[in-house]
Amino acid sequence: MKPVQRLWAAILTAAGVSSSQINTITTDYQNLKNAYTTTGPTLQAKIAADEAAIVKDGGPSLSANSHGIGTSGVL
């Protein structure tokens, strides 16, 4: 488990979230992250274009590692 994952696990544990729920959350996040990184190049290009359009229109700037998920570095 990465340090940031340990931090969030500690926070969730302190909030009363069970270890099995934390494991499920972590697994689901990893699956989502893996699914994104294995999407086809056409979809990745479309997502990048959409993100650029959002920034151009004055929306939030998305970091290179966020992939638009909105939880960059959470778990």
C-alpha atoms as a PDB file:
ATOM      1  CA  MET A   1       0.000   0.000   0.000  1.00  0.00           C
ATOM      2  CA  LYS A   2       1.335   3.434  -0.947  1.00  0.00           C
ATOM      3  CA  PRO A   3       1.850   6.042   1.796  1.00  0.00           C
ATOM      4  CA  VAL A   4      -1.135   8.079   0.650  1.00  0.00           C
ATOM      5  CA  GLN A   5      -3.252   4.923   0.693  1.00  0.00           C
ATOM      6  CA  ARG A   6      -2.134   4.223   4.259  1.00  0.00           C
ATOM      7  CA  LEU A   7      -3.055   7.785   5.202  1.00  0.00           C
ATOM      8  CA  TRP A   8      -6.545   7.488   3.741  1.00  0.00           C
ATOM      9  CA  ALA A   9      -6.963   4.040   5.289  1.00  0.00           C
ATOM     10  CA  ALA A  10      -6.089   5.552   8.692  1.00  0.00           C
ATOM     11  CA  ILE A  11      -8.574   8.382   8.140  1.00  0.00           C
ATOM     12  CA  LEU A  12     -11.312   5.965   7.089  1.00  0.00           C
ATOM     13  CA  THR A  13     -10.540   3.674  10.030  1.00  0.00           C
ATOM     14  CA  ALA A  14     -10.800   6.629  12.420  1.00  0.00           C
ATOM     15  CA  ALA A  15     -14.151   7.448  10.817  1.00  0.00           C
ATOM     16  CA  GLY A  16     -15.403   3.959  11.644  1.00  0.00           C
ATOM     17  CA  VAL A  17     -15.115   2.409   8.179  1.00  0.00           C
ATOM     18  CA  SER A  18     -14.406  -1.317   8.411  1.00  0.00           C
ATOM     19  CA  SER A  19     -11.204  -2.789   7.003  1.00  0.00           C
ATOM     20  CA  SER A  20     -13.194  -4.829   4.483  1.00  0.00           C
ATOM     21  CA  GLN A  21     -14.893  -1.660   3.225  1.00  0.00           C
ATOM     22  CA  ILE A  22     -11.512   0.098   3.009  1.00  0.00           C
ATOM     23  CA  ASN A  23     -10.126  -2.847   1.021  1.00  0.00           C
ATOM     24  CA  THR A  24     -13.135  -2.694  -1.308  1.00  0.00           C
ATOM     25  CA  ILE A  25     -12.700   1.059  -1.814  1.00  0.00           C
ATOM     26  CA  THR A  26      -8.988   0.630  -2.515  1.00  0.00           C
ATOM     27  CA  THR A  27      -9.611  -2.239  -4.942  1.00  0.00           C
ATOM     28  CA  ASP A  28     -12.377  -0.343  -6.743  1.00  0.00           C
ATOM     29  CA  TYR A  29     -10.143   2.712  -7.092  1.00  0.00           C
ATOM     30  CA  GLN A  30      -7.277   0.613  -8.476  1.00  0.00           C
ATOM     31  CA  ASN A  31      -9.662  -1.076 -10.930  1.00  0.00           C
ATOM     32  CA  LEU A  32     -10.915   2.321 -12.106  1.00  0.00           C
ATOM     33  CA  LYS A  33      -7.360   3.618 -12.456  1.00  0.00           C
ATOM     34  CA  ASN A  34      -6.323   0.491 -14.390  1.00  0.00           C
ATOM     35  CA  ALA A  35      -9.385   0.692 -16.631  1.00  0.00           C
ATOM     36  CA  TYR A  36      -8.533   4.259 -17.493  1.00  0.00           C
ATOM     37  CA  THR A  37      -4.927   3.469 -18.351  1.00  0.00           C
ATOM     38  CA  THR A  38      -6.002   0.636 -20.655  1.00  0.00           C
ATOM     39  CA  THR A  39      -8.636   2.591 -22.596  1.00  0.00           C
ATOM     40  CA  GLY A  40      -8.093   2.888 -26.281  1.00  0.00           C
ATOM     41  CA  PRO A  41      -6.010   5.708 -27.713  1.00  0.00           C
ATOM     42  CA  THR A  42      -9.072   7.235 -29.380  1.00  0.00           C
ATOM     43  CA  LEU A  43     -10.906   7.513 -26.064  1.00  0.00           C
ATOM     44  CA  GLN A  44      -7.804   8.879 -24.327  1.00  0.00           C
ATOM     45  CA  ALA A  45      -7.469  11.525 -27.064  1.00  0.00           C
ATOM     46  CA  LYS A  46     -11.143  12.475 -26.658  1.00  0.00           C
ATOM     47  CA  ILE A  47     -10.764  12.763 -22.871  1.00  0.00           C
ATOM     48  CA  ALA A  48      -7.639  14.931 -23.281  1.00  0.00           C
ATOM     49  CA  ALA A  49      -9.455  17.163 -25.769  1.00  0.00           C
ATOM     50  CA  ASP A  50     -12.442  17.503 -23.429  1.00  0.00           C
ATOM     51  CA  GLU A  51     -10.151  18.383 -20.507  1.00  0.00           C
ATOM     52  CA  ALA A  52      -8.350  21.000 -22.635  1.00  0.00           C
ATOM     53  CA  ALA A  53     -11.702  22.505 -23.658  1.00  0.00           C
ATOM     54  CA  ILE A  54     -12.762  22.735 -20.013  1.00  0.00           C
ATOM     55  CA  VAL A  55      -9.554  24.581 -19.114  1.00  0.00           C
ATOM     56  CA  LYS A  56      -9.886  26.848 -22.168  1.00  0.00           C
ATOM     57  CA  ASP A  57     -13.447  27.702 -21.120  1.00  0.00           C
ATOM     58  CA  GLY A  58     -12.164  28.816 -17.723  1.00  0.00           C
ATOM     59  CA  GLY A  59     -12.813  25.582 -15.861  1.00  0.00           C
ATOM     60  CA  PRO A  60     -10.410  24.005 -13.390  1.00  0.00           C
ATOM     61  CA  SER A  61      -6.996  23.016 -14.641  1.00  0.00           C
ATOM     62  CA  LEU A  62      -6.535  19.259 -14.329  1.00  0.00           C
ATOM     63  CA  SER A  63      -3.106  17.939 -13.398  1.00  0.00           C
ATOM     64  CA  ALA A  64      -1.351  15.594 -15.799  1.00  0.00           C
ATOM     65  CA  ASN A  65      -1.915  12.693 -13.385  1.00  0.00           C
ATOM     66  CA  SER A  66      -5.521  13.356 -12.435  1.00  0.00           C
ATOM     67  CA  HIS A  67      -7.062  11.910 -15.609  1.00  0.00           C
ATOM     68  CA  GLY A  68     -10.153  13.963 -14.859  1.00  0.00           C
ATOM     69  CA  ILE A  69     -11.300  11.594 -12.145  1.00  0.00           C
ATOM     70  CA  GLY A  70     -11.222  14.306  -9.512  1.00  0.00           C
ATOM     71  CA  THR A  71      -9.470  12.223  -6.884  1.00  0.00           C
ATOM     72  CA  SER A  72      -5.888  12.627  -7.889  1.00  0.00           C
ATOM     73  CA  GLY A  73      -3.667  11.003  -5.278  1.00  0.00           C
ATOM     74  CA  VAL A  74      -6.527  10.098  -2.977  1.00  0.00           C
ATOM     75  CA  LEU A  75      -5.772   6.399  -2.664  1.00  0.00           C
END
